[in-house]
Amino acid sequence: MRKISLRIGIAEMLVGAEREKKGEGVDYSAGVLFYKKTNDYVEKDEIIAELLRNSSKHIEEANSVMCVAYIISENKNENIKLIKDIHYERR
């Protein structure tokens, strides 16, 4: 799950929705729209996410990163753990 999130974050950075370095600007209209969640059924050729951007700069690279971020299989993954751990503040 961590690698998937990291790859999606890299794709967001490439379209301008996140900073690569401190002090860089952020395009608040850029980002990713997700149409499917983990374990959702997907039809062939169905759109599962959309990259939003104002510039074509790095769009092919962002698209490639997003494509390898997803794992599509015929079986539902029942063992996926979405929350790794919860930490509480001690008083």
C-alpha atoms as a PDB file:
ATOM      1  CA  MET A   1       0.000   0.000   0.000  1.00  0.00           C
ATOM      2  CA  ARG A   2       2.869   2.375   0.796  1.00  0.00           C
ATOM      3  CA  LYS A   3       4.401   2.014  -2.692  1.00  0.00           C
ATOM      4  CA  ILE A   4       1.025   2.759  -4.279  1.00  0.00           C
ATOM      5  CA  SER A   5       0.615   5.946  -2.222  1.00  0.00           C
ATOM      6  CA  LEU A   6       4.179   7.010  -2.978  1.00  0.00           C
ATOM      7  CA  ARG A   7       3.676   6.553  -6.732  1.00  0.00           C
ATOM      8  CA  ILE A   8       0.416   8.501  -6.685  1.00  0.00           C
ATOM      9  CA  GLY A   9       2.179  11.278  -4.734  1.00  0.00           C
ATOM     10  CA  ILE A  10       4.939  11.388  -7.355  1.00  0.00           C
ATOM     11  CA  ALA A  11       2.337  11.635 -10.129  1.00  0.00           C
ATOM     12  CA  GLU A  12       0.649  14.512  -8.244  1.00  0.00           C
ATOM     13  CA  MET A  13       3.990  16.268  -7.919  1.00  0.00           C
ATOM     14  CA  LEU A  14       4.643  15.865 -11.648  1.00  0.00           C
ATOM     15  CA  VAL A  15       1.349  17.570 -12.584  1.00  0.00           C
ATOM     16  CA  GLY A  16       2.024  20.395 -10.106  1.00  0.00           C
ATOM     17  CA  ALA A  17      -0.271  19.460  -7.214  1.00  0.00           C
ATOM     18  CA  GLU A  18       2.645  18.951  -4.798  1.00  0.00           C
ATOM     19  CA  ARG A  19       6.067  20.525  -4.286  1.00  0.00           C
ATOM     20  CA  GLU A  20       9.295  18.787  -5.179  1.00  0.00           C
ATOM     21  CA  LYS A  21      11.358  21.270  -3.168  1.00  0.00           C
ATOM     22  CA  LYS A  22      10.561  23.738  -0.399  1.00  0.00           C
ATOM     23  CA  GLY A  23       9.602  27.122  -1.800  1.00  0.00           C
ATOM     24  CA  GLU A  24       8.137  25.832  -5.057  1.00  0.00           C
ATOM     25  CA  GLY A  25       4.614  26.851  -5.969  1.00  0.00           C
ATOM     26  CA  VAL A  26       1.623  24.530  -6.016  1.00  0.00           C
ATOM     27  CA  ASP A  27      -1.066  24.483  -8.696  1.00  0.00           C
ATOM     28  CA  TYR A  28      -4.242  24.192  -6.621  1.00  0.00           C
ATOM     29  CA  SER A  29      -6.271  23.160  -9.658  1.00  0.00           C
ATOM     30  CA  ALA A  30      -3.969  20.170 -10.341  1.00  0.00           C
ATOM     31  CA  GLY A  31      -4.315  16.754  -8.743  1.00  0.00           C
ATOM     32  CA  VAL A  32      -5.879  13.330  -9.112  1.00  0.00           C
ATOM     33  CA  LEU A  33      -9.586  12.438  -9.226  1.00  0.00           C
ATOM     34  CA  PHE A  34     -10.214   8.877  -8.095  1.00  0.00           C
ATOM     35  CA  TYR A  35     -13.261   7.077  -9.462  1.00  0.00           C
ATOM     36  CA  LYS A  36     -12.545   3.694  -7.863  1.00  0.00           C
ATOM     37  CA  LYS A  37     -11.454   2.612  -4.396  1.00  0.00           C
ATOM     38  CA  THR A  38      -9.416  -0.376  -3.277  1.00  0.00           C
ATOM     39  CA  ASN A  39     -11.218  -3.645  -4.084  1.00  0.00           C
ATOM     40  CA  ASP A  40     -13.831  -1.970  -6.323  1.00  0.00           C
ATOM     41  CA  TYR A  41     -14.897  -3.940  -9.395  1.00  0.00           C
ATOM     42  CA  VAL A  42     -13.522  -2.478 -12.641  1.00  0.00           C
ATOM     43  CA  GLU A  43     -14.751  -3.107 -16.183  1.00  0.00           C
ATOM     44  CA  LYS A  44     -12.284  -3.382 -19.058  1.00  0.00           C
ATOM     45  CA  ASP A  45     -11.270   0.103 -20.321  1.00  0.00           C
ATOM     46  CA  GLU A  46     -13.077   1.800 -17.397  1.00  0.00           C
ATOM     47  CA  ILE A  47     -11.454   4.996 -16.113  1.00  0.00           C
ATOM     48  CA  ILE A  48     -10.300   4.532 -12.514  1.00  0.00           C
ATOM     49  CA  ALA A  49      -8.496   7.855 -11.978  1.00  0.00           C
ATOM     50  CA  GLU A  50      -7.914  11.127 -13.802  1.00  0.00           C
ATOM     51  CA  LEU A  51      -4.885  13.432 -13.709  1.00  0.00           C
ATOM     52  CA  LEU A  52      -5.834  17.124 -13.555  1.00  0.00           C
ATOM     53  CA  ARG A  53      -3.311  19.721 -14.707  1.00  0.00           C
ATOM     54  CA  ASN A  54      -2.924  23.097 -16.407  1.00  0.00           C
ATOM     55  CA  SER A  55       0.263  22.231 -18.278  1.00  0.00           C
ATOM     56  CA  SER A  56       1.272  19.333 -20.492  1.00  0.00           C
ATOM     57  CA  LYS A  57       4.711  19.396 -18.845  1.00  0.00           C
ATOM     58  CA  HIS A  58       5.522  15.958 -17.352  1.00  0.00           C
ATOM     59  CA  ILE A  59       2.030  14.579 -18.156  1.00  0.00           C
ATOM     60  CA  GLU A  60       3.356  11.479 -19.936  1.00  0.00           C
ATOM     61  CA  GLU A  61       5.677  10.706 -17.029  1.00  0.00           C
ATOM     62  CA  ALA A  62       2.847  11.258 -14.510  1.00  0.00           C
ATOM     63  CA  ASN A  63       0.581   8.983 -16.530  1.00  0.00           C
ATOM     64  CA  SER A  64       3.244   6.238 -16.568  1.00  0.00           C
ATOM     65  CA  VAL A  65       3.722   6.513 -12.801  1.00  0.00           C
ATOM     66  CA  MET A  66      -0.041   6.261 -12.213  1.00  0.00           C
ATOM     67  CA  CYS A  67      -0.354   3.215 -14.480  1.00  0.00           C
ATOM     68  CA  VAL A  68       2.182   1.215 -12.468  1.00  0.00           C
ATOM     69  CA  ALA A  69       0.690   2.370  -9.147  1.00  0.00           C
ATOM     70  CA  TYR A  70      -2.368   0.167  -9.611  1.00  0.00           C
ATOM     71  CA  ILE A  71      -2.600  -3.600  -9.358  1.00  0.00           C
ATOM     72  CA  ILE A  72      -5.628  -5.073 -11.088  1.00  0.00           C
ATOM     73  CA  SER A  73      -6.462  -8.724 -10.536  1.00  0.00           C
ATOM     74  CA  GLU A  74      -9.433 -11.028 -10.835  1.00  0.00           C
ATOM     75  CA  ASN A  75      -9.468 -11.709  -7.083  1.00  0.00           C
ATOM     76  CA  LYS A  76     -10.524  -9.357  -4.332  1.00  0.00           C
ATOM     77  CA  ASN A  77      -7.769  -8.722  -1.792  1.00  0.00           C
ATOM     78  CA  GLU A  78      -9.337  -9.324   1.617  1.00  0.00           C
ATOM     79  CA  ASN A  79      -6.028  -9.012   3.481  1.00  0.00           C
ATOM     80  CA  ILE A  80      -5.297  -5.395   2.628  1.00  0.00           C
ATOM     81  CA  LYS A  81      -4.587  -3.263   5.676  1.00  0.00           C
ATOM     82  CA  LEU A  82      -5.471   0.387   5.033  1.00  0.00           C
ATOM     83  CA  ILE A  83      -4.467   1.690   8.480  1.00  0.00           C
ATOM     84  CA  LYS A  84      -1.058   0.515   9.624  1.00  0.00           C
ATOM     85  CA  ASP A  85      -1.158   1.795  13.192  1.00  0.00           C
ATOM     86  CA  ILE A  86      -2.828   4.358  15.437  1.00  0.00           C
ATOM     87  CA  HIS A  87      -0.778   6.343  17.922  1.00  0.00           C
ATOM     88  CA  TYR A  88      -2.374   8.071  20.884  1.00  0.00           C
ATOM     89  CA  GLU A  89      -0.869  10.938  22.806  1.00  0.00           C
ATOM     90  CA  ARG A  90      -0.145  10.003  26.393  1.00  0.00           C
ATOM     91  CA  ARG A  91      -1.069  12.501  29.046  1.00  0.00           C
END
